């Protein structure tokens, strides 16, 4: 199994085949795809999405205009960050650092885990069954520096069945907060009132 080393491109995407090893992946206008079981040091693009397939391992993932998808059982050892795009963790996926977006949703499937907190400005947050977040949840107040295109809808935060959040939930703007009757929040809730729900969705 060869190490593909660092890969840098400008107006093209980057793809690492399944099971391969690579260093830093860096492109400006292009998406990055990391195959299943591959190991990569870092993935960074400006205009493009990042897809991390099942069981892959990446040190960090960062984009400006694009979504980040982390497959089942995949691991991001540090942070996963985007500005304009959603961030999705598949079943049993892990982000050991923080998961952050400005204009986009944060979604954790069943048993997904984030170790360094969730942060957004205008995106919804959905924590699936048995998911875990350490480091709390922070929704910032929008300011004129963010290009939020007049998105004035209140974010919706759903903490699903048996999900656990350790750390404070701090909301600097109006949100709709739904906490499942079997979920655990080990911290203070600041800026919102939780509504309890049963069943799969509020």
Protein backbone atom coordinates (compact mmCIF):
# COMPACT_ATOMS: atom_id res chain seq x y z
CA UNK A 1 0.00 0.00 0.00
CA UNK A 2 1.69 3.19 -1.20
CA UNK A 3 1.59 6.50 0.60
CA UNK A 4 0.29 9.03 -1.92
CA UNK A 5 1.93 11.92 -0.03
CA UNK A 6 0.62 15.49 -0.11
CA UNK A 7 -1.76 16.32 -2.98
CA UNK A 8 -2.38 19.93 -4.03
CA UNK A 9 -4.58 21.11 -6.92
CA UNK A 10 -6.27 24.35 -7.98
CA UNK A 11 -9.34 23.87 -10.20
CA UNK A 12 -9.77 20.15 -9.76
CA UNK A 13 -11.09 17.72 -7.22
CA UNK A 14 -8.98 15.25 -5.24
CA UNK A 15 -9.84 11.60 -4.69
CA UNK A 16 -8.03 9.11 -2.44
CA UNK A 17 -8.90 5.48 -3.24
CA UNK A 18 -10.23 3.12 -0.58
CA UNK A 19 -7.60 1.77 1.77
CA UNK A 20 -4.85 4.17 0.65
CA UNK A 21 -2.77 6.57 2.75
CA UNK A 22 -2.12 10.24 1.93
CA UNK A 23 -0.77 13.39 3.55
CA UNK A 24 -2.38 16.81 3.26
CA UNK A 25 -5.05 17.23 0.57
CA UNK A 26 -5.42 20.83 -0.58
CA UNK A 27 -7.50 22.31 -3.41
CA UNK A 28 -9.21 25.64 -4.13
CA UNK A 29 -12.07 24.92 -6.54
CA UNK A 30 -12.87 21.26 -6.19
CA UNK A 31 -14.32 18.62 -3.93
CA UNK A 32 -12.34 16.09 -1.91
CA UNK A 33 -13.35 12.43 -1.69
CA UNK A 34 -11.64 10.07 0.73
CA UNK A 35 -12.39 6.40 0.10
CA UNK A 36 -13.46 3.84 2.69
CA UNK A 37 -10.72 2.79 5.08
CA UNK A 38 -8.28 5.40 3.75
CA UNK A 39 -6.01 7.38 6.09
CA UNK A 40 -5.35 11.06 5.36
CA UNK A 41 -3.59 13.77 7.34
CA UNK A 42 -5.69 16.79 6.40
CA UNK A 43 -8.39 17.73 3.86
CA UNK A 44 -8.85 21.40 2.97
CA UNK A 45 -10.74 23.12 0.13
CA UNK A 46 -12.34 26.52 -0.46
CA UNK A 47 -15.14 25.88 -2.95
CA UNK A 48 -16.10 22.24 -2.70
CA UNK A 49 -17.47 19.54 -0.46
CA UNK A 50 -15.52 16.97 1.53
CA UNK A 51 -16.72 13.37 1.61
CA UNK A 52 -15.08 10.97 4.07
CA UNK A 53 -16.25 7.43 3.40
CA UNK A 54 -16.97 4.70 5.95
CA UNK A 55 -14.14 3.71 8.31
CA UNK A 56 -11.73 6.33 6.92
CA UNK A 57 -9.45 8.29 9.24
CA UNK A 58 -8.62 11.98 8.72
CA UNK A 59 -6.73 14.36 10.96
CA UNK A 60 -8.83 17.44 10.08
CA UNK A 61 -11.41 18.57 7.49
CA UNK A 62 -12.04 22.18 6.48
CA UNK A 63 -13.97 23.91 3.69
CA UNK A 64 -15.52 27.34 3.14
CA UNK A 65 -18.28 26.78 0.58
CA UNK A 66 -19.32 23.17 0.77
CA UNK A 67 -20.67 20.43 2.99
CA UNK A 68 -18.72 17.83 4.97
CA UNK A 69 -20.00 14.25 5.07
CA UNK A 70 -18.37 11.80 7.47
CA UNK A 71 -19.26 8.18 6.80
CA UNK A 72 -20.18 5.40 9.21
CA UNK A 73 -17.39 4.58 11.64
CA UNK A 74 -15.07 7.22 10.18
CA UNK A 75 -12.86 9.30 12.48
CA UNK A 76 -11.76 12.95 12.29
CA UNK A 77 -9.02 13.30 14.88
CA UNK A 78 -9.23 17.07 15.25
CA UNK A 79 -11.82 19.60 13.99
CA UNK A 80 -14.35 19.50 11.15
CA UNK A 81 -15.25 23.03 9.96
CA UNK A 82 -17.26 24.63 7.17
CA UNK A 83 -18.71 28.12 6.69
CA UNK A 84 -21.47 27.71 4.08
CA UNK A 85 -22.53 24.10 4.19
CA UNK A 86 -23.88 21.34 6.37
CA UNK A 87 -21.86 18.91 8.45
CA UNK A 88 -23.13 15.33 8.67
CA UNK A 89 -21.80 12.45 10.77
CA UNK A 90 -22.88 8.94 9.85
CA UNK A 91 -23.58 6.13 12.31
CA UNK A 92 -20.74 5.54 14.79
CA UNK A 93 -18.67 8.36 13.24
CA UNK A 94 -16.42 10.44 15.49
CA UNK A 95 -15.09 13.99 15.41
CA UNK A 96 -12.64 14.14 18.30
CA UNK A 97 -12.39 17.95 18.18
CA UNK A 98 -15.12 20.46 17.42
CA UNK A 99 -17.74 20.43 14.64
CA UNK A 100 -18.47 23.92 13.36
CA UNK A 101 -20.47 25.64 10.62
CA UNK A 102 -21.86 29.15 10.16
CA UNK A 103 -24.64 28.77 7.60
CA UNK A 104 -25.49 25.08 7.64
CA UNK A 105 -26.96 22.28 9.69
CA UNK A 106 -25.15 19.89 12.04
CA UNK A 107 -26.48 16.33 11.92
CA UNK A 108 -25.37 13.33 13.96
CA UNK A 109 -26.69 9.90 13.05
CA UNK A 110 -27.11 7.09 15.58
CA UNK A 111 -24.19 6.68 18.01
CA UNK A 112 -22.12 9.43 16.38
CA UNK A 113 -19.78 11.29 18.71
CA UNK A 114 -18.30 14.82 18.82
CA UNK A 115 -15.69 15.47 21.50
CA UNK A 116 -15.15 19.23 21.23
CA UNK A 117 -18.61 20.76 20.99
CA UNK A 118 -20.98 21.93 18.25
CA UNK A 119 -21.08 25.49 16.97
CA UNK A 120 -23.22 27.27 14.37
CA UNK A 121 -24.89 30.62 13.71
CA UNK A 122 -27.96 29.93 11.59
CA UNK A 123 -28.08 26.15 11.13
CA UNK A 124 -30.32 23.49 12.62
CA UNK A 125 -28.81 20.84 14.90
CA UNK A 126 -30.08 17.28 15.00
CA UNK A 127 -28.65 14.68 17.38
CA UNK A 128 -29.72 11.16 16.47
CA UNK A 129 -30.37 8.21 18.78
CA UNK A 130 -27.57 7.41 21.26
CA UNK A 131 -25.32 10.15 19.86
CA UNK A 132 -22.92 11.94 22.21
CA UNK A 133 -21.57 15.48 22.31
CA UNK A 134 -18.95 16.69 24.76
CA UNK A 135 -18.09 20.36 24.95
CA UNK A 136 -21.67 21.58 24.74
CA UNK A 137 -23.59 23.37 22.00
CA UNK A 138 -23.17 27.03 21.03
CA UNK A 139 -25.35 28.96 18.59
CA UNK A 140 -23.89 32.40 18.03
CA UNK A 141 -25.74 35.63 17.41
CA UNK A 142 -25.55 36.60 13.71
CA UNK A 143 -23.56 39.68 12.87
CA UNK A 144 -23.08 41.69 9.70
CA UNK A 145 -19.84 39.86 8.99
CA UNK A 146 -21.60 36.58 8.24
CA UNK A 147 -23.16 36.19 4.81
CA UNK A 148 -26.37 34.74 6.12
CA UNK A 149 -28.45 36.03 3.20
CA UNK A 150 -31.28 37.28 5.39
CA UNK A 151 -31.84 33.89 6.97
CA UNK A 152 -34.06 35.02 9.83
CA UNK A 153 -35.71 31.66 10.62
CA UNK A 154 -34.99 30.47 14.13
CA UNK A 155 -32.70 27.41 14.20
CA UNK A 156 -34.24 24.14 15.38
CA UNK A 157 -32.23 22.03 17.82
CA UNK A 158 -33.32 18.42 18.39
CA UNK A 159 -31.62 16.20 20.97
CA UNK A 160 -32.93 12.76 20.12
CA UNK A 161 -33.62 9.50 21.96
CA UNK A 162 -30.93 8.55 24.51
CA UNK A 163 -28.58 11.25 23.17
CA UNK A 164 -26.17 12.81 25.67
CA UNK A 165 -24.80 16.37 25.70
CA UNK A 166 -22.08 17.15 28.24
CA UNK A 167 -21.41 20.86 28.66
CA UNK A 168 -23.54 23.98 28.49
CA UNK A 169 -26.06 24.73 25.75
CA UNK A 170 -25.63 28.44 25.00
CA UNK A 171 -27.99 30.17 22.58
CA UNK A 172 -27.29 33.79 21.69
CA UNK A 173 -30.37 33.99 19.43
CA UNK A 174 -33.90 32.61 19.41
CA UNK A 175 -34.01 28.85 18.81
CA UNK A 176 -36.53 26.03 19.04
CA UNK A 177 -35.07 23.46 21.44
CA UNK A 178 -36.51 19.94 21.68
CA UNK A 179 -35.05 17.40 24.11
CA UNK A 180 -36.24 13.80 24.04
CA UNK A 181 -37.58 12.43 27.32
CA UNK A 182 -34.77 9.83 27.34
CA UNK A 183 -31.95 12.26 26.44
CA UNK A 184 -29.45 13.63 28.97
CA UNK A 185 -28.13 17.20 29.12
CA UNK A 186 -25.27 17.48 31.61
CA UNK A 187 -24.90 21.25 31.71
CA UNK A 188 -26.80 24.53 31.83
CA UNK A 189 -29.22 25.66 29.14
CA UNK A 190 -28.79 29.40 28.51
CA UNK A 191 -31.05 31.41 26.21
CA UNK A 192 -33.74 28.83 25.45
CA UNK A 193 -36.42 26.72 27.11
CA UNK A 194 -36.36 23.03 26.31
CA UNK A 195 -39.52 21.31 25.14
CA UNK A 196 -39.74 17.61 25.91
CA UNK A 197 -40.88 15.11 23.28
CA UNK A 198 -41.36 11.37 22.88
CA UNK A 199 -41.26 9.28 19.72
CA UNK A 200 -38.68 9.63 16.96
CA UNK A 201 -39.21 13.30 16.07
CA UNK A 202 -40.76 16.34 17.77
